[in-house]
Amino acid sequence: MGDLVIGARSGGPEPEGVGGGTVRSTESAQLSEPTEDGVAANAADGSDGGSGQLGGPLGGASGEAAGDAGTGRPKKEQKQRSFWKELPILIGIALILALVIKTFFVQAFSIPSGSMQNTLQIGDRVLVDKLTPWFGAEPERGDVVVFHDPGGWLDGESTPPNNNAFVRGVQDVLSFIGLMPSVNEKDLIKRVIGVGGDTVECEGTGPVKVNGVALNEPYIFPGNTPCGDKPFGPVKVPKGALWVMGDHRGDSLDSRFHQDQPGGGSVPVGNVIGRAFVVAWPLGDWATLPVPDTFGQKGLASAALPVAPPVAGAALAVPAVWWLRRSRR
């Protein structure tokens, strides 16, 4: 009966020193024999030919540079940083990207129970779209959503932490960036049946009705009835809330079983983490999670009709005002 889901929540190369060979002209070679004033002679000759044989450290360096420039010899290739020095940087970048993706875009969740069978199997990994809610979009009827426990839905169902402190610490770090499940998260996954303003009900063996329209639910677990063993309603879903149910109606502690709690069994939209859109793992279970056709029936969204005329009027008013202002000009 458990419903807990677990979130799967270079530096530049160092330049080498100037060095290497020197270029000698015939004249500089003849002056290379030591004399009492050999330093001065070599210095004078080096200034003309750039032989690199100047006496003294300063003269030697400038002579070698002049010799390389005079011959057009290509500089040596810069030494690349070793793989082991770059590895920590690559790991750091990968961790930052993983954290950003988990926080703002997509997060993986593990399915530990059978409450959504046969749509989702135990052990499946689903990817959840976390980006869409940032643009103000709210879940729709038929969406499979992951949400935080509204309170009391998962009492006593959290996974006990590992007794090994080191293992627990590693798990906490990896779960923070979304690379490993967290034992502290209390999240659930269910299908949205009704949204704010809807009236939902299920009498006897069903079917489930939304705003008086019966739902044909082919995704229900074989052998289950639409109401399961918990008929309900009619229930008015509060604004800004959702009525959710598992596809395995006989093994899902969903909105039906929490009507005595604050919200009457509904889930606040603010608790929704995102919409599950694909089963990513194992590959044999790979599948998308589209909205079933039953939620596209005419009349299902009757509760939203009073809002439609003002919205349509506002949409027509904008181009009309723009046209009037342009015609006046």
Protein backbone atom coordinates (compact mmCIF):
# COMPACT_ATOMS: atom_id res chain seq x y z
CA MET A 1 0.00 0.00 0.00
CA GLY A 2 3.04 2.25 0.29
CA ASP A 3 3.13 5.24 -1.98
CA LEU A 4 6.55 6.72 -1.23
CA VAL A 5 8.65 7.68 -4.23
CA ILE A 6 12.29 8.47 -3.86
CA GLY A 7 13.95 11.28 -5.80
CA ALA A 8 16.99 10.22 -7.72
CA ARG A 9 17.30 13.66 -6.56
CA SER A 10 41.21 23.57 -17.32
CA GLY A 11 43.36 25.60 -16.49
CA GLY A 12 45.68 26.85 -19.14
CA PRO A 13 48.93 25.08 -19.82
CA GLU A 14 52.07 26.38 -18.16
CA PRO A 15 54.45 28.06 -20.61
CA GLU A 16 57.80 26.40 -20.97
CA GLY A 17 60.96 28.38 -20.40
CA VAL A 18 62.70 30.03 -23.32
CA GLY A 19 65.46 27.73 -24.33
CA GLY A 20 67.01 25.40 -26.71
CA GLY A 21 69.51 26.00 -29.44
CA THR A 22 71.26 29.11 -30.57
CA VAL A 23 72.10 30.31 -34.06
CA ARG A 24 75.75 31.12 -34.78
CA SER A 25 76.99 33.15 -37.70
CA THR A 26 80.50 32.66 -39.15
CA GLU A 27 81.67 35.98 -37.79
CA SER A 28 80.42 35.27 -34.27
CA ALA A 29 82.14 31.90 -34.29
CA GLN A 30 85.46 33.54 -35.11
CA LEU A 31 85.07 35.90 -32.18
CA SER A 32 84.22 33.18 -29.73
CA GLU A 33 87.83 32.58 -28.72
CA PRO A 34 88.58 34.00 -25.28
CA THR A 35 90.45 37.28 -25.19
CA GLU A 36 91.04 39.81 -22.51
CA ASP A 37 88.19 41.92 -23.82
CA GLY A 38 86.19 38.93 -25.12
CA VAL A 39 83.05 39.94 -23.30
CA ALA A 40 82.90 43.27 -25.06
CA ALA A 41 83.69 41.74 -28.44
CA ASN A 42 81.01 39.11 -28.12
CA ALA A 43 78.50 41.65 -26.91
CA ALA A 44 79.11 43.87 -29.90
CA ASP A 45 78.86 40.98 -32.32
CA GLY A 46 75.71 39.61 -30.66
CA SER A 47 73.94 42.89 -31.12
CA ASP A 48 74.41 42.59 -34.91
CA GLY A 49 73.84 38.89 -35.53
CA GLY A 50 71.81 37.76 -32.53
CA SER A 51 74.11 34.79 -32.10
CA GLY A 52 73.04 33.93 -28.58
CA GLN A 53 76.73 33.76 -27.44
CA LEU A 54 76.62 36.89 -25.32
CA GLY A 55 78.50 36.67 -22.07
CA GLY A 56 76.30 36.97 -19.02
CA PRO A 57 72.79 35.78 -18.24
CA LEU A 58 70.94 38.80 -19.65
CA GLY A 59 72.82 38.79 -22.93
CA GLY A 60 72.37 35.04 -23.32
CA ALA A 61 68.60 35.20 -22.96
CA SER A 62 68.13 38.05 -25.37
CA GLY A 63 70.52 36.48 -27.88
CA GLU A 64 68.59 33.21 -27.90
CA ALA A 65 65.29 35.00 -28.40
CA ALA A 66 66.73 37.05 -31.23
CA GLY A 67 68.09 33.92 -32.84
CA ASP A 68 64.63 32.24 -32.78
CA ALA A 69 62.97 35.32 -34.18
CA GLY A 70 65.56 35.77 -36.91
CA THR A 71 65.13 32.25 -38.28
CA GLY A 72 61.35 32.08 -38.03
CA ARG A 73 61.61 28.82 -36.07
CA PRO A 74 58.16 27.83 -34.62
CA LYS A 75 57.90 27.85 -30.86
CA LYS A 76 57.69 24.55 -29.07
CA GLU A 77 54.16 23.28 -28.36
CA GLN A 78 52.97 24.16 -24.88
CA LYS A 79 52.83 21.30 -22.47
CA GLN A 80 49.27 20.07 -21.81
CA ARG A 81 47.94 19.59 -18.31
CA SER A 82 47.84 15.92 -17.34
CA PHE A 83 44.54 14.03 -17.24
CA TRP A 84 44.79 13.46 -13.50
CA LYS A 85 45.10 17.21 -12.88
CA GLU A 86 42.06 17.91 -15.05
CA LEU A 87 39.94 15.12 -13.58
CA PRO A 88 38.88 17.00 -10.39
CA ILE A 89 37.85 19.99 -12.50
CA LEU A 90 35.77 17.79 -14.81
CA ILE A 91 34.11 16.10 -11.85
CA GLY A 92 33.31 19.47 -10.30
CA ILE A 93 31.70 20.73 -13.51
CA ALA A 94 29.69 17.53 -13.87
CA LEU A 95 28.39 17.81 -10.29
CA ILE A 96 27.38 21.44 -10.77
CA LEU A 97 25.54 20.61 -14.00
CA ALA A 98 23.79 17.67 -12.31
CA LEU A 99 22.65 19.94 -9.47
CA VAL A 100 21.35 22.61 -11.85
CA ILE A 101 19.50 20.03 -13.96
CA LYS A 102 17.96 18.41 -10.90
CA THR A 103 16.90 21.74 -9.40
CA PHE A 104 15.42 23.42 -12.45
CA PHE A 105 14.84 20.94 -15.28
CA VAL A 106 14.48 17.18 -14.81
CA GLN A 107 14.73 14.84 -11.85
CA ALA A 108 14.58 11.06 -11.71
CA PHE A 109 12.39 9.23 -9.20
CA SER A 110 12.24 5.58 -8.21
CA ILE A 111 8.93 3.71 -7.86
CA PRO A 112 9.02 1.55 -4.70
CA SER A 113 5.36 0.44 -4.54
CA GLY A 114 2.62 -0.96 -6.75
CA SER A 115 0.13 1.89 -6.32
CA MET A 116 0.47 2.94 -10.00
CA GLN A 117 0.49 -0.50 -11.61
CA ASN A 118 0.32 -1.37 -14.41
CA THR A 119 1.29 2.06 -15.67
CA LEU A 120 4.38 2.03 -13.46
CA GLN A 121 6.09 -1.05 -12.07
CA ILE A 122 8.03 -1.40 -8.85
CA GLY A 123 11.64 -0.42 -9.54
CA ASP A 124 10.86 1.80 -12.53
CA ARG A 125 12.71 5.12 -12.85
CA VAL A 126 10.61 7.99 -14.14
CA LEU A 127 11.81 11.40 -15.32
CA VAL A 128 9.88 14.35 -13.94
CA ASP A 129 9.55 17.68 -15.72
CA LYS A 130 10.34 20.41 -13.15
CA LEU A 131 10.74 23.25 -15.65
CA THR A 132 7.12 23.73 -16.74
CA PRO A 133 5.81 24.81 -13.30
CA TRP A 134 8.37 27.65 -13.31
CA PHE A 135 6.33 29.23 -16.11
CA GLY A 136 3.12 29.10 -14.10
CA ALA A 137 1.64 25.97 -15.68
CA GLU A 138 -0.42 23.80 -13.34
CA PRO A 139 -1.10 20.05 -13.54
CA GLU A 140 -4.02 18.96 -15.71
CA ARG A 141 -6.47 16.09 -15.43
CA GLY A 142 -4.80 12.85 -16.43
CA ASP A 143 -1.24 13.96 -15.63
CA VAL A 144 0.94 11.62 -13.56
CA VAL A 145 2.53 13.89 -10.95
CA VAL A 146 5.08 13.61 -8.17
CA PHE A 147 4.28 15.67 -5.08
CA HIS A 148 5.39 16.21 -1.51
CA ASP A 149 3.37 14.53 1.20
CA PRO A 150 0.57 16.99 2.11
CA GLY A 151 0.80 15.70 5.66
CA GLY A 152 0.20 12.28 7.16
CA TRP A 153 -0.03 10.33 3.91
CA LEU A 154 3.28 8.56 4.44
CA ASP A 155 3.49 8.23 8.20
CA GLY A 156 5.77 5.32 9.05
CA GLU A 157 6.68 4.56 5.44
CA SER A 158 10.07 6.34 5.15
CA THR A 159 13.15 4.24 4.49
CA PRO A 160 15.42 3.86 7.56
CA PRO A 161 18.85 5.53 7.17
CA ASN A 162 22.05 3.51 6.81
CA ASN A 163 23.86 2.84 10.11
CA ASN A 164 27.27 3.53 8.54
CA ALA A 165 28.02 7.25 8.99
CA PHE A 166 30.36 7.41 5.98
CA VAL A 167 27.89 5.66 3.66
CA ARG A 168 25.10 7.88 4.96
CA GLY A 169 27.18 11.00 4.30
CA VAL A 170 27.99 9.95 0.74
CA GLN A 171 24.33 9.14 0.14
CA ASP A 172 23.28 12.58 1.44
CA VAL A 173 25.71 14.35 -0.90
CA LEU A 174 24.72 12.32 -3.96
CA SER A 175 21.00 12.66 -3.22
CA PHE A 176 21.43 16.44 -2.86
CA ILE A 177 22.65 16.67 -6.45
CA GLY A 178 20.13 14.15 -7.71
CA LEU A 179 22.42 11.20 -8.38
CA MET A 180 21.05 8.94 -5.66
CA PRO A 181 17.71 8.41 -3.91
CA SER A 182 17.19 10.20 -0.61
CA VAL A 183 15.90 8.36 2.44
CA ASN A 184 14.52 11.60 3.90
CA GLU A 185 12.24 12.67 1.07
CA LYS A 186 8.54 11.93 1.42
CA ASP A 187 7.17 12.14 -2.10
CA LEU A 188 4.30 10.36 -3.81
CA ILE A 189 3.26 9.70 -7.38
CA LYS A 190 -0.38 9.59 -8.50
CA ARG A 191 -2.64 10.48 -11.42
CA VAL A 192 -4.58 13.75 -11.35
CA ILE A 193 -8.32 13.04 -11.59
CA GLY A 194 -9.74 16.45 -10.73
CA VAL A 195 -8.42 20.00 -10.51
CA GLY A 196 -9.56 23.01 -8.50
CA GLY A 197 -13.29 23.66 -8.97
CA ASP A 198 -14.11 20.14 -10.20
CA THR A 199 -16.67 17.88 -8.57
CA VAL A 200 -15.47 14.28 -8.37
CA GLU A 201 -17.37 11.18 -7.24
CA CYS A 202 -17.44 7.41 -7.48
CA GLU A 203 -20.42 5.38 -6.29
CA GLY A 204 -20.50 1.63 -5.81
CA THR A 205 -18.22 0.02 -8.35
CA GLY A 206 -17.92 3.14 -10.49
CA PRO A 207 -17.27 4.70 -12.85
CA VAL A 208 -15.43 7.75 -11.54
CA LYS A 209 -17.22 10.94 -12.59
CA VAL A 210 -15.74 14.40 -13.02
CA ASN A 211 -18.28 17.22 -13.28
CA GLY A 212 -20.90 14.57 -14.04
CA VAL A 213 -18.92 13.02 -16.92
CA ALA A 214 -18.03 9.33 -16.55
CA LEU A 215 -14.40 8.42 -17.14
CA ASN A 216 -13.38 5.42 -19.21
CA GLU A 217 -10.14 4.38 -17.47
CA PRO A 218 -8.25 1.70 -19.41
CA TYR A 219 -5.14 2.33 -17.30
CA ILE A 220 -6.74 0.88 -14.13
CA PHE A 221 -5.04 -2.29 -12.83
CA PRO A 222 -6.74 -5.40 -14.24
CA GLY A 223 -9.38 -6.77 -11.89
CA ASN A 224 -9.83 -3.47 -10.02
CA THR A 225 -13.02 -1.46 -10.05
CA PRO A 226 -12.80 2.34 -10.59
CA CYS A 227 -13.77 3.02 -6.96
CA GLY A 228 -11.69 0.20 -5.56
CA ASP A 229 -12.89 -0.57 -2.05
CA LYS A 230 -13.41 3.12 -1.21
CA PRO A 231 -16.33 4.86 -2.95
CA PHE A 232 -16.44 8.61 -2.39
CA GLY A 233 -18.14 11.88 -3.14
CA PRO A 234 -19.41 13.94 -4.54
CA VAL A 235 -16.41 16.06 -3.48
CA LYS A 236 -15.74 19.66 -4.54
CA VAL A 237 -12.00 20.07 -5.16
CA PRO A 238 -10.78 23.33 -3.59
CA LYS A 239 -9.22 26.01 -5.77
CA GLY A 240 -5.47 25.54 -6.10
CA ALA A 241 -5.71 21.83 -5.25
CA LEU A 242 -5.83 18.43 -6.96
CA TRP A 243 -7.75 15.19 -6.47
CA VAL A 244 -5.33 12.31 -7.12
CA MET A 245 -5.73 8.55 -7.38
CA GLY A 246 -3.43 5.62 -8.07
CA ASP A 247 -4.02 3.43 -11.13
CA HIS A 248 -3.93 0.37 -8.86
CA ARG A 249 -7.15 1.32 -7.07
CA GLY A 250 -6.95 -1.66 -4.72
CA ASP A 251 -3.42 -0.81 -3.54
CA SER A 252 -3.24 2.98 -3.36
CA LEU A 253 -3.71 5.19 -0.32
CA ASP A 254 -4.70 8.23 -2.35
CA SER A 255 -7.14 11.14 -1.95
CA ARG A 256 -9.98 8.72 -1.15
CA PHE A 257 -8.37 7.68 2.13
CA HIS A 258 -7.47 11.15 3.45
CA GLN A 259 -10.79 12.98 3.33
CA ASP A 260 -10.71 13.41 7.11
CA GLN A 261 -7.47 15.43 6.92
CA PRO A 262 -6.99 19.13 6.12
CA GLY A 263 -7.86 19.73 2.47
CA GLY A 264 -10.37 16.88 2.43
CA GLY A 265 -7.96 14.54 0.66
CA SER A 266 -6.87 17.05 -1.98
CA VAL A 267 -3.25 17.96 -2.67
CA PRO A 268 -2.16 21.63 -2.85
CA VAL A 269 -0.74 22.52 -6.27
CA GLY A 270 2.25 24.04 -4.46
CA ASN A 271 3.23 20.56 -3.28
CA VAL A 272 3.66 19.29 -6.84
CA ILE A 273 7.30 18.73 -7.85
CA GLY A 274 6.55 18.09 -11.49
CA ARG A 275 4.90 15.90 -14.12
CA ALA A 276 6.29 12.44 -14.87
CA PHE A 277 6.62 12.22 -18.64
CA VAL A 278 8.63 9.09 -19.38
CA VAL A 279 9.68 5.76 -17.85
CA ALA A 280 13.43 5.87 -18.44
CA TRP A 281 14.62 2.68 -16.72
CA PRO A 282 14.75 -0.27 -17.08
CA LEU A 283 14.91 -0.11 -20.84
CA GLY A 284 12.40 -2.92 -21.14
CA ASP A 285 9.77 -0.74 -19.46
CA TRP A 286 10.58 2.41 -21.45
CA ALA A 287 7.39 4.30 -22.24
CA THR A 288 6.00 7.81 -22.39
CA LEU A 289 3.25 8.93 -20.00
CA PRO A 290 0.75 10.92 -22.07
CA VAL A 291 -2.65 12.14 -20.88
CA PRO A 292 -5.30 9.47 -21.68
CA ASP A 293 -7.97 10.38 -24.22
CA THR A 294 -10.73 10.00 -21.62
CA PHE A 295 -9.72 13.35 -20.12
CA GLY A 296 -10.36 15.08 -23.43
CA GLN A 297 -14.10 14.43 -23.39
CA LYS A 298 -16.50 17.28 -24.08
CA GLY A 299 -18.12 18.72 -20.98
CA LEU A 300 -15.41 17.48 -18.64
CA ALA A 301 -14.12 21.02 -18.07
CA SER A 302 -17.58 22.51 -17.49
CA ALA A 303 -16.46 23.96 -14.19
CA ALA A 304 -14.05 26.23 -16.07
CA LEU A 305 -16.66 27.58 -18.54
CA PRO A 306 -17.60 30.70 -16.53
CA VAL A 307 -14.00 31.84 -16.82
CA ALA A 308 -13.83 31.34 -20.60
CA PRO A 309 -15.88 34.39 -21.72
CA PRO A 310 -13.79 36.96 -19.79
CA VAL A 311 -10.58 35.36 -21.03
CA ALA A 312 -11.82 35.33 -24.62
CA GLY A 313 -12.98 38.94 -24.28
CA ALA A 314 -9.60 40.06 -23.00
CA ALA A 315 -7.88 38.23 -25.85
CA LEU A 316 -10.04 40.06 -28.42
CA ALA A 317 -9.74 43.42 -26.69
CA VAL A 318 -5.96 43.65 -27.04
CA PRO A 319 -5.83 43.62 -30.88
CA ALA A 320 -8.94 45.84 -31.03
CA VAL A 321 -7.34 48.57 -28.88
CA TRP A 322 -4.13 48.34 -30.90
CA TRP A 323 -6.06 48.75 -34.18
CA LEU A 324 -8.01 51.79 -32.88
CA ARG A 325 -4.86 53.55 -31.72
CA ARG A 326 -3.12 52.93 -35.04
CA SER A 327 -6.12 54.20 -37.05
CA ARG A 328 -6.16 57.45 -35.05
CA ARG A 329 -2.53 58.06 -35.86
